[in-house]
PDB file of N, CA and C in Angstrom:
ATOM      1  N   LYS A   1      13.075   9.786  -9.804  1.00  0.00           N
ATOM      2  CA  LYS A   1      13.395  10.793  -8.854  1.00  0.00           C
ATOM      3  C   LYS A   1      14.600  10.560  -8.411  1.00  0.00           C
ATOM      4  N   LYS A   2      15.924   9.772  -9.028  1.00  0.00           N
ATOM      5  CA  LYS A   2      17.067   9.773  -8.470  1.00  0.00           C
ATOM      6  C   LYS A   2      18.260  10.183  -9.563  1.00  0.00           C
ATOM      7  N   LYS A   3      17.476  11.377 -10.401  1.00  0.00           N
ATOM      8  CA  LYS A   3      18.699  11.549 -11.440  1.00  0.00           C
ATOM      9  C   LYS A   3      18.967  13.479 -11.043  1.00  0.00           C
ATOM     10  N   LYS A   4      18.647  13.626  -9.759  1.00  0.00           N
ATOM     11  CA  LYS A   4      19.179  15.100  -8.996  1.00  0.00           C
ATOM     12  C   LYS A   4      20.494  14.784  -9.002  1.00  0.00           C
ATOM     13  N   ILE A   5      21.198  15.427  -9.876  1.00  0.00           N
ATOM     14  CA  ILE A   5      22.972  15.158  -9.942  1.00  0.00           C
ATOM     15  C   ILE A   5      23.183  16.692  -9.055  1.00  0.00           C
ATOM     16  N   ASN A   6      22.646  17.567  -8.751  1.00  0.00           N
ATOM     17  CA  ASN A   6      23.069  19.059  -8.113  1.00  0.00           C
ATOM     18  C   ASN A   6      22.769  18.453  -6.563  1.00  0.00           C
ATOM     19  N   SER A   7      22.022  17.976  -6.295  1.00  0.00           N
ATOM     20  CA  SER A   7      21.733  17.140  -4.645  1.00  0.00           C
ATOM     21  C   SER A   7      23.236  16.772  -4.381  1.00  0.00           C
ATOM     22  N   PRO A   8      23.460  17.710  -2.811  1.00  0.00           N
ATOM     23  CA  PRO A   8      25.020  16.921  -2.197  1.00  0.00           C
ATOM     24  C   PRO A   8      24.540  15.253  -1.954  1.00  0.00           C
ATOM     25  N   VAL A   9      25.780  14.388  -2.017  1.00  0.00           N
ATOM     26  CA  VAL A   9      25.403  13.262  -1.684  1.00  0.00           C
ATOM     27  C   VAL A   9      25.204  13.016  -0.110  1.00  0.00           C
ATOM     28  N   VAL A  10      25.503  13.663   0.902  1.00  0.00           N
ATOM     29  CA  VAL A  10      24.863  13.612   2.242  1.00  0.00           C
ATOM     30  C   VAL A  10      23.700  13.795   2.456  1.00  0.00           C
ATOM     31  N   GLU A  11      23.034  14.494   1.625  1.00  0.00           N
ATOM     32  CA  GLU A  11      21.865  15.004   1.961  1.00  0.00           C
ATOM     33  C   GLU A  11      20.751  13.552   1.240  1.00  0.00           C
ATOM     34  N   LYS A  12      21.552  12.882   0.212  1.00  0.00           N
ATOM     35  CA  LYS A  12      21.046  11.896  -1.034  1.00  0.00           C
ATOM     36  C   LYS A  12      20.802  10.654   0.226  1.00  0.00           C
ATOM     37  N   ARG A  13      22.131  10.530   1.042  1.00  0.00           N
ATOM     38  CA  ARG A  13      22.335   9.199   1.993  1.00  0.00           C
ATOM     39  C   ARG A  13      21.324   9.697   3.009  1.00  0.00           C
ATOM     40  N   ASN A  14      21.287  10.679   3.476  1.00  0.00           N
ATOM     41  CA  ASN A  14      20.246  10.909   4.774  1.00  0.00           C
ATOM     42  C   ASN A  14      18.683  10.468   4.299  1.00  0.00           C
ATOM     43  N   LYS A  15      18.466  10.898   2.996  1.00  0.00           N
ATOM     44  CA  LYS A  15      17.053  10.943   2.608  1.00  0.00           C
ATOM     45  C   LYS A  15      16.599   9.512   1.967  1.00  0.00           C
ATOM     46  N   GLU A  16      17.496   8.855   1.384  1.00  0.00           N
ATOM     47  CA  GLU A  16      17.151   7.490   1.021  1.00  0.00           C
ATOM     48  C   GLU A  16      16.670   6.501   1.989  1.00  0.00           C
ATOM     49  N   PRO A  17      17.229   6.361   3.141  1.00  0.00           N
ATOM     50  CA  PRO A  17      16.642   5.423   4.150  1.00  0.00           C
ATOM     51  C   PRO A  17      15.175   6.043   4.844  1.00  0.00           C
ATOM     52  N   GLU A  18      15.161   7.194   4.897  1.00  0.00           N
ATOM     53  CA  GLU A  18      13.939   7.914   5.629  1.00  0.00           C
ATOM     54  C   GLU A  18      12.557   7.412   4.546  1.00  0.00           C
ATOM     55  N   THR A  19      13.001   7.872   3.240  1.00  0.00           N
ATOM     56  CA  THR A  19      11.866   7.994   2.270  1.00  0.00           C
ATOM     57  C   THR A  19      11.334   6.448   2.446  1.00  0.00           C
ATOM     58  N   SER A  20      12.306   5.969   1.853  1.00  0.00           N
ATOM     59  CA  SER A  20      12.146   3.696   1.761  1.00  0.00           C
ATOM     60  C   SER A  20      11.369   3.420   3.273  1.00  0.00           C
ATOM     61  N   SER A  21      11.764   3.726   4.194  1.00  0.00           N
ATOM     62  CA  SER A  21      10.968   3.401   5.572  1.00  0.00           C
ATOM     63  C   SER A  21       9.633   4.376   5.687  1.00  0.00           C
ATOM     64  N   VAL A  22       9.519   5.333   5.330  1.00  0.00           N
ATOM     65  CA  VAL A  22       8.232   5.985   4.987  1.00  0.00           C
ATOM     66  C   VAL A  22       7.383   5.130   3.949  1.00  0.00           C
ATOM     67  N   GLU A  23       7.569   5.101   2.675  1.00  0.00           N
ATOM     68  CA  GLU A  23       6.975   4.293   1.853  1.00  0.00           C
ATOM     69  C   GLU A  23       6.634   2.597   2.458  1.00  0.00           C
ATOM     70  N   LYS A  24       7.592   2.131   2.960  1.00  0.00           N
ATOM     71  CA  LYS A  24       7.312   0.446   3.288  1.00  0.00           C
ATOM     72  C   LYS A  24       5.997   1.162   4.700  1.00  0.00           C
ATOM     73  N   ARG A  25       6.411   1.458   5.761  1.00  0.00           N
ATOM     74  CA  ARG A  25       5.202   1.977   6.272  1.00  0.00           C
ATOM     75  C   ARG A  25       3.770   2.663   6.282  1.00  0.00           C
ATOM     76  N   ASN A  26       3.795   2.997   4.810  1.00  0.00           N
ATOM     77  CA  ASN A  26       2.707   3.646   4.139  1.00  0.00           C
ATOM     78  C   ASN A  26       2.008   2.506   3.116  1.00  0.00           C
ATOM     79  N   LYS A  27       3.002   1.411   2.838  1.00  0.00           N
ATOM     80  CA  LYS A  27       2.533   0.551   1.815  1.00  0.00           C
ATOM     81  C   LYS A  27       1.992  -0.802   2.918  1.00  0.00           C
ATOM     82  N   GLU A  28       2.444  -1.127   3.735  1.00  0.00           N
ATOM     83  CA  GLU A  28       1.558  -2.271   4.081  1.00  0.00           C
ATOM     84  C   GLU A  28       0.386  -2.219   4.585  1.00  0.00           C
ATOM     85  N   PRO A  29       0.120  -1.308   5.630  1.00  0.00           N
ATOM     86  CA  PRO A  29      -1.175  -0.748   6.142  1.00  0.00           C
ATOM     87  C   PRO A  29      -2.205  -0.882   4.751  1.00  0.00           C
ATOM     88  N   ALA A  30      -1.773  -0.002   3.747  1.00  0.00           N
ATOM     89  CA  ALA A  30      -2.315  -0.350   2.400  1.00  0.00           C
ATOM     90  C   ALA A  30      -2.781  -1.650   1.743  1.00  0.00           C
ATOM     91  N   ASP A  31      -1.969  -2.268   1.923  1.00  0.00           N
ATOM     92  CA  ASP A  31      -2.000  -3.629   1.361  1.00  0.00           C
ATOM     93  C   ASP A  31      -2.862  -4.656   2.201  1.00  0.00           C
ATOM     94  N   GLU A  32      -3.219  -4.309   3.460  1.00  0.00           N
ATOM     95  CA  GLU A  32      -3.406  -4.899   5.096  1.00  0.00           C
ATOM     96  C   GLU A  32      -4.877  -4.749   4.019  1.00  0.00           C
ATOM     97  N   GLN A  33      -5.168  -3.096   3.952  1.00  0.00           N
ATOM     98  CA  GLN A  33      -6.644  -2.957   4.214  1.00  0.00           C
ATOM     99  C   GLN A  33      -7.234  -3.414   2.394  1.00  0.00           C
ATOM    100  N   ARG A  34      -6.689  -3.232   1.565  1.00  0.00           N
ATOM    101  CA  ARG A  34      -7.193  -3.643   0.162  1.00  0.00           C
ATOM    102  C   ARG A  34      -7.554  -5.426   0.761  1.00  0.00           C
ATOM    103  N   THR A  35      -6.763  -6.044   1.030  1.00  0.00           N
ATOM    104  CA  THR A  35      -6.762  -7.538   1.454  1.00  0.00           C
ATOM    105  C   THR A  35      -8.166  -7.528   1.913  1.00  0.00           C
ATOM    106  N   SER A  36      -8.170  -6.672   3.068  1.00  0.00           N
ATOM    107  CA  SER A  36      -9.726  -6.786   3.836  1.00  0.00           C
ATOM    108  C   SER A  36     -10.485  -6.635   3.488  1.00  0.00           C
ATOM    109  N   ASN A  37     -10.749  -5.428   2.377  1.00  0.00           N
ATOM    110  CA  ASN A  37     -11.911  -5.062   1.830  1.00  0.00           C
ATOM    111  C   ASN A  37     -12.079  -6.110   0.942  1.00  0.00           C
ATOM    112  N   GLU A  38     -11.050  -6.661  -0.029  1.00  0.00           N
ATOM    113  CA  GLU A  38     -11.402  -7.934  -0.894  1.00  0.00           C
ATOM    114  C   GLU A  38     -12.221  -8.894  -0.246  1.00  0.00           C
ATOM    115  N   LYS A  39     -11.580  -9.509   0.748  1.00  0.00           N
ATOM    116  CA  LYS A  39     -12.348 -10.458   1.816  1.00  0.00           C
ATOM    117  C   LYS A  39     -13.770  -9.947   2.019  1.00  0.00           C
ATOM    118  N   ARG A  40     -13.933  -8.598   2.249  1.00  0.00           N
ATOM    119  CA  ARG A  40     -15.523  -8.297   2.795  1.00  0.00           C
ATOM    120  C   ARG A  40     -16.237  -7.981   1.619  1.00  0.00           C
ATOM    121  N   TRP A  41     -15.704  -7.454   0.305  1.00  0.00           N
ATOM    122  CA  TRP A  41     -16.372  -7.617  -0.488  1.00  0.00           C
ATOM    123  C   TRP A  41     -16.381  -9.015  -1.494  1.00  0.00           C
ATOM    124  N   LYS A  42     -15.813  -9.997  -0.773  1.00  0.00           N
ATOM    125  CA  LYS A  42     -16.216 -11.276  -1.545  1.00  0.00           C
ATOM    126  C   LYS A  42     -17.470 -12.129  -0.658  1.00  0.00           C
ATOM    127  N   GLN A  43     -17.237 -11.698   0.592  1.00  0.00           N
ATOM    128  CA  GLN A  43     -17.900 -12.118   1.710  1.00  0.00           C
ATOM    129  C   GLN A  43     -19.296 -11.550   1.177  1.00  0.00           C
ATOM    130  N   SER A  44     -19.367 -10.392   0.888  1.00  0.00           N
ATOM    131  CA  SER A  44     -20.634  -9.814   0.480  1.00  0.00           C
ATOM    132  C   SER A  44     -21.501 -10.105  -0.658  1.00  0.00           C
ATOM    133  N   ALA A  45     -20.514 -10.460  -1.764  1.00  0.00           N
ATOM    134  CA  ALA A  45     -20.772 -10.862  -2.856  1.00  0.00           C
ATOM    135  C   ALA A  45     -21.540 -12.508  -3.053  1.00  0.00           C
ATOM    136  N   PHE A  46     -20.658 -13.080  -1.879  1.00  0.00           N
ATOM    137  CA  PHE A  46     -21.482 -14.578  -1.907  1.00  0.00           C
ATOM    138  C   PHE A  46     -22.530 -14.491  -1.226  1.00  0.00           C
ATOM    139  N   TRP A  47     -22.598 -13.938   0.132  1.00  0.00           N
ATOM    140  CA  TRP A  47     -24.071 -13.497   0.819  1.00  0.00           C
ATOM    141  C   TRP A  47     -25.208 -13.139  -0.317  1.00  0.00           C
ATOM    142  N   MET A  48     -24.832 -12.119  -1.216  1.00  0.00           N
ATOM    143  CA  MET A  48     -26.135 -11.882  -2.220  1.00  0.00           C
ATOM    144  C   MET A  48     -26.560 -12.507  -3.197  1.00  0.00           C
ATOM    145  N   LYS A  49     -25.239 -13.874  -3.532  1.00  0.00           N
ATOM    146  CA  LYS A  49     -25.416 -14.637  -4.454  1.00  0.00           C
ATOM    147  C   LYS A  49     -26.532 -15.344  -3.578  1.00  0.00           C
ATOM    148  N   THR A  50     -25.994 -16.251  -2.117  1.00  0.00           N
ATOM    149  CA  THR A  50     -26.954 -16.923  -1.639  1.00  0.00           C
ATOM    150  C   THR A  50     -28.607 -16.834  -1.083  1.00  0.00           C
ATOM    151  N   ASN A  51     -28.253 -15.462  -1.105  1.00  0.00           N
ATOM    152  CA  ASN A  51     -29.923 -14.441  -0.896  1.00  0.00           C
ATOM    153  C   ASN A  51     -30.149 -14.401  -2.458  1.00  0.00           C
ATOM    154  N   ASN A  52     -29.972 -14.379  -3.035  1.00  0.00           N
ATOM    155  CA  ASN A  52     -30.674 -14.146  -4.734  1.00  0.00           C
ATOM    156  C   ASN A  52     -30.968 -15.751  -5.110  1.00  0.00           C
ATOM    157  N   GLN A  53     -30.637 -16.867  -4.506  1.00  0.00           N
ATOM    158  CA  GLN A  53     -30.706 -18.315  -5.121  1.00  0.00           C
ATOM    159  C   GLN A  53     -32.251 -18.571  -4.522  1.00  0.00           C
ATOM    160  N   ARG A  54     -32.075 -18.056  -3.174  1.00  0.00           N
ATOM    161  CA  ARG A  54     -33.516 -18.458  -2.404  1.00  0.00           C
ATOM    162  C   ARG A  54     -34.689 -18.225  -2.831  1.00  0.00           C
TER     163      ARG A  54
END
């Protein structure tokens, strides 16, 4: 991504913080969702296990 030699320095300086903040904003909810999904899946798996044992 960072090997654009022709792009002006000003554009680069204005672009990078924006993309990093956007990436951060897009990344955090995804991580939260993944952990919540994992928890839900583990819970369901646990319940299935307990139900099958009865």
